[in-house]
Every structure is written in structure tokens, then in C-alpha cells.
Amino acid sequence: MKNAIIAMTTAVVLGGWFAGAAYAQKGMGDAEGVAQQTEKPECVSLTGKILEIKTGPCKSATGRSPIGTHLILENSDEQKLNIHLGPADALAEIVKNLTIGQEITVKAFRTDKHKEHHYVAVLLTYGETTIELRDDSLRPVWAQQRGSGRGLGWHRGRMQRRGRF
């Protein structure tokens, strides 16, 4: 009985560990985000109506958050544009103010690794409101301070001393 409990506990722990690792794997294969690259992609202005607000696992992200939010826009040429906003938890308050059918202008960029009509938002403008999602270096505003106010980053809650954890 004791061996069965140990085996079951081990299986549950390992299963959770591997499932978490698989769920967290995301990104375009880049070791670094656009903000760390010396050559920045060109930004473009896109205008359209919001067809859909999607929140779920994001394959375009290079950050740590596995859940992202995207806007699906339809422009005047009736093209559907997939606009990656960023991590769902960091943008929840912003997304609350967006509605299906709303006209929005997005300053955005794309890299060669993005699919056609897929972009990453830098600024959102709707009505009299403009929201900055990324600064001039394309660094996300939620990443301006280590841990985004949620502690010390990867090792939040642990004291860090000169490279030792």
C-alpha cells in the first residue's frame, strides 16, 4: 500500500511537471525578443473593426506568459488581421474597454517569422483613447520593471544576490 501511494504521488508530480513545461513552451523560436535586437522592424498603421477578441495559448510570444490576447480586425479591404496584444493577465483591464465591431487603429510591427497579416501591437487608438503597449524600443510596458510589480521575476519571492539565488 505504501509503495502504491509513493508511486502514485510520483506519477502525479512528474505528470504535472511535464504538462506545465509543455504548456509553457511558446514563441517563434527566438532566444530574445524584438526589444533586445539592434535592428528593429518597421511599424505600420492598421485600421479596422474588431471582429474577435481571442485569449488563449500564444505561439507568437517570446515572453514568459503562455496565455496571450489577440484582436482579429477586418480592414477596409476586408482582410482579416491578427493583432497580438500581449499577455492576457497584463492586458485584462485594457481589453475590457474593447468591443466587437469597434473601430480601432493599431500601430504595429511584424517580423519575417510572423505569418502574413499577423502583427504585434505597439499602440492602440480608439475614440479619444490611445494606449501604449510597447515603448520606442518595442519593449512591452508591462516589462519595464523586472517582475512587472509581481516580485523579482523568475525567482520572485527569493532574495537575489549578485547572480546567486
Protein backbone atom coordinates (compact mmCIF):
# COMPACT_ATOMS: atom_id res chain seq x y z
CA MET A 1 0.00 0.00 0.00
CA LYS A 2 2.81 2.40 0.93
CA ASN A 3 4.62 1.69 -2.36
CA ALA A 4 1.42 2.31 -4.33
CA ILE A 5 0.94 5.70 -2.66
CA ILE A 6 4.57 6.66 -3.35
CA ALA A 7 4.28 5.54 -6.98
CA MET A 8 1.01 7.41 -7.46
CA THR A 9 2.37 10.58 -5.86
CA THR A 10 5.49 10.41 -8.03
CA ALA A 11 3.38 9.93 -11.17
CA VAL A 12 1.17 12.90 -10.32
CA VAL A 13 4.14 15.16 -9.57
CA LEU A 14 6.02 14.16 -12.74
CA GLY A 15 2.86 14.44 -14.84
CA GLY A 16 2.21 17.95 -13.55
CA TRP A 17 5.81 18.93 -14.10
CA PHE A 18 5.95 17.74 -17.71
CA ALA A 19 2.48 19.08 -18.52
CA GLY A 20 3.46 22.51 -17.19
CA ALA A 21 6.66 22.51 -19.24
CA ALA A 22 4.79 21.54 -22.41
CA TYR A 23 2.12 24.20 -21.81
CA ALA A 24 4.72 26.91 -21.24
CA GLN A 25 6.59 26.26 -24.47
CA LYS A 26 5.72 29.02 -26.85
CA GLY A 27 7.30 31.64 -29.02
CA MET A 28 8.66 31.99 -32.52
CA GLY A 29 11.91 30.23 -31.69
CA ASP A 30 13.77 33.44 -30.88
CA ALA A 31 16.09 33.43 -27.90
CA GLU A 32 15.41 37.13 -27.42
CA GLY A 33 12.54 39.49 -28.03
CA VAL A 34 12.47 42.30 -30.59
CA ALA A 35 13.33 44.88 -27.89
CA GLN A 36 16.78 43.29 -27.39
CA GLN A 37 17.58 43.20 -31.12
CA THR A 38 19.63 46.05 -32.58
CA GLU A 39 17.68 46.18 -35.83
CA LYS A 40 14.01 46.92 -35.17
CA PRO A 41 11.19 46.04 -37.58
CA GLU A 42 9.26 48.86 -39.23
CA CYS A 43 5.98 49.91 -37.62
CA VAL A 44 2.84 50.34 -39.71
CA SER A 45 -0.59 51.82 -39.03
CA LEU A 46 -3.56 49.47 -39.36
CA THR A 47 -7.22 50.43 -39.06
CA GLY A 48 -10.20 48.13 -38.89
CA LYS A 49 -13.19 46.85 -36.99
CA ILE A 50 -12.75 44.32 -34.21
CA LEU A 51 -14.23 41.00 -35.33
CA GLU A 52 -13.00 38.94 -32.40
CA ILE A 53 -11.05 39.22 -29.15
CA LYS A 54 -9.15 35.97 -28.59
CA THR A 55 -7.43 34.95 -25.37
CA GLY A 56 -5.54 31.67 -25.20
CA PRO A 57 -2.16 29.98 -25.76
CA CYS A 58 0.01 32.19 -27.95
CA LYS A 59 2.60 30.88 -30.41
CA SER A 60 3.83 34.39 -31.27
CA ALA A 61 5.07 35.29 -27.80
CA THR A 62 8.71 35.31 -26.76
CA GLY A 63 7.95 36.23 -23.15
CA ARG A 64 7.10 34.02 -20.21
CA SER A 65 3.33 34.22 -20.32
CA PRO A 66 1.73 31.25 -22.12
CA ILE A 67 -1.68 32.96 -22.43
CA GLY A 68 -1.97 35.91 -24.79
CA THR A 69 -4.67 38.19 -26.15
CA HIS A 70 -5.18 38.87 -29.85
CA LEU A 71 -7.55 41.11 -31.77
CA ILE A 72 -8.86 39.91 -35.10
CA LEU A 73 -9.53 43.02 -37.19
CA GLU A 74 -11.13 43.43 -40.58
CA ASN A 75 -9.67 46.30 -42.59
CA SER A 76 -11.31 48.28 -45.42
CA ASP A 77 -10.04 45.70 -47.96
CA GLU A 78 -11.92 43.01 -45.98
CA GLN A 79 -8.63 41.38 -44.95
CA LYS A 80 -8.52 39.76 -41.54
CA LEU A 81 -5.58 40.92 -39.44
CA ASN A 82 -4.36 39.06 -36.35
CA ILE A 83 -3.02 41.60 -33.85
CA HIS A 84 -1.03 40.18 -30.92
CA LEU A 85 -1.50 42.48 -27.92
CA GLY A 86 0.46 40.67 -25.19
CA PRO A 87 -0.06 38.58 -22.05
CA ALA A 88 -3.70 38.24 -21.07
CA ASP A 89 -3.10 38.95 -17.38
CA ALA A 90 -1.22 42.20 -18.09
CA LEU A 91 -3.87 43.46 -20.53
CA ALA A 92 -7.13 42.38 -18.88
CA GLU A 93 -8.15 45.95 -17.91
CA ILE A 94 -7.40 47.29 -21.40
CA VAL A 95 -9.31 44.50 -23.15
CA LYS A 96 -12.40 45.21 -21.01
CA ASN A 97 -12.78 48.51 -22.90
CA LEU A 98 -12.74 46.89 -26.35
CA THR A 99 -15.90 45.65 -28.07
CA ILE A 100 -16.74 43.64 -31.16
CA GLY A 101 -17.50 45.97 -34.08
CA GLN A 102 -15.45 48.81 -32.58
CA GLU A 103 -13.25 50.80 -35.00
CA ILE A 104 -9.62 50.79 -33.88
CA THR A 105 -6.26 51.97 -35.22
CA VAL A 106 -3.20 49.98 -34.30
CA LYS A 107 0.45 50.94 -34.67
CA ALA A 108 2.10 47.54 -35.09
CA PHE A 109 5.10 45.65 -36.42
CA ARG A 110 5.78 42.22 -37.81
CA THR A 111 8.91 40.16 -38.37
CA ASP A 112 9.76 37.67 -41.10
CA LYS A 113 8.79 34.89 -38.70
CA HIS A 114 5.17 36.06 -38.42
CA LYS A 115 2.54 34.69 -40.76
CA GLU A 116 1.05 37.02 -43.34
CA HIS A 117 -1.39 39.53 -41.78
CA HIS A 118 -0.07 38.80 -38.25
CA TYR A 119 1.24 41.79 -36.29
CA VAL A 120 2.35 42.80 -32.80
CA ALA A 121 0.62 45.91 -31.39
CA VAL A 122 2.64 48.90 -30.20
CA LEU A 123 -0.19 51.47 -29.77
CA LEU A 124 -3.97 51.12 -29.73
CA THR A 125 -6.16 54.11 -30.59
CA TYR A 126 -9.95 54.10 -30.37
CA GLY A 127 -12.12 57.18 -29.96
CA GLU A 128 -10.12 59.71 -27.94
CA THR A 129 -8.10 56.98 -26.21
CA THR A 130 -4.53 55.95 -27.08
CA ILE A 131 -2.86 53.13 -25.18
CA GLU A 132 0.87 52.47 -25.37
CA LEU A 133 1.65 48.75 -25.22
CA ARG A 134 5.32 48.99 -26.21
CA ASP A 135 7.83 51.83 -25.98
CA ASP A 136 10.04 53.25 -28.78
CA SER A 137 12.43 50.29 -28.46
CA LEU A 138 9.38 47.96 -28.76
CA ARG A 139 9.81 46.80 -25.17
CA PRO A 140 6.43 45.93 -23.60
CA VAL A 141 5.30 48.43 -20.96
CA TRP A 142 4.47 45.57 -18.57
CA ALA A 143 8.16 44.54 -18.73
CA GLN A 144 9.57 47.97 -17.87
CA GLN A 145 10.46 46.84 -14.38
CA ARG A 146 11.67 43.39 -13.53
CA GLY A 147 8.75 41.27 -12.42
CA SER A 148 6.17 43.85 -13.59
CA GLY A 149 5.41 44.62 -9.97
CA ARG A 150 4.83 40.93 -9.25
CA GLY A 151 8.03 40.31 -7.33
CA LEU A 152 11.51 39.52 -8.52
CA GLY A 153 10.80 37.86 -11.87
CA TRP A 154 11.57 34.18 -12.41
CA HIS A 155 12.64 33.73 -8.81
CA ARG A 156 10.06 36.04 -7.23
CA GLY A 157 9.92 35.70 -3.53
CA ARG A 158 13.56 34.69 -3.31
CA MET A 159 16.27 37.12 -2.40
CA GLN A 160 18.82 37.58 -5.17
CA ARG A 161 22.43 38.44 -4.54
CA ARG A 162 24.89 39.08 -7.35
CA GLY A 163 23.84 36.23 -9.59
CA ARG A 164 23.13 33.72 -6.82
CA PHE A 165 19.66 32.57 -5.93
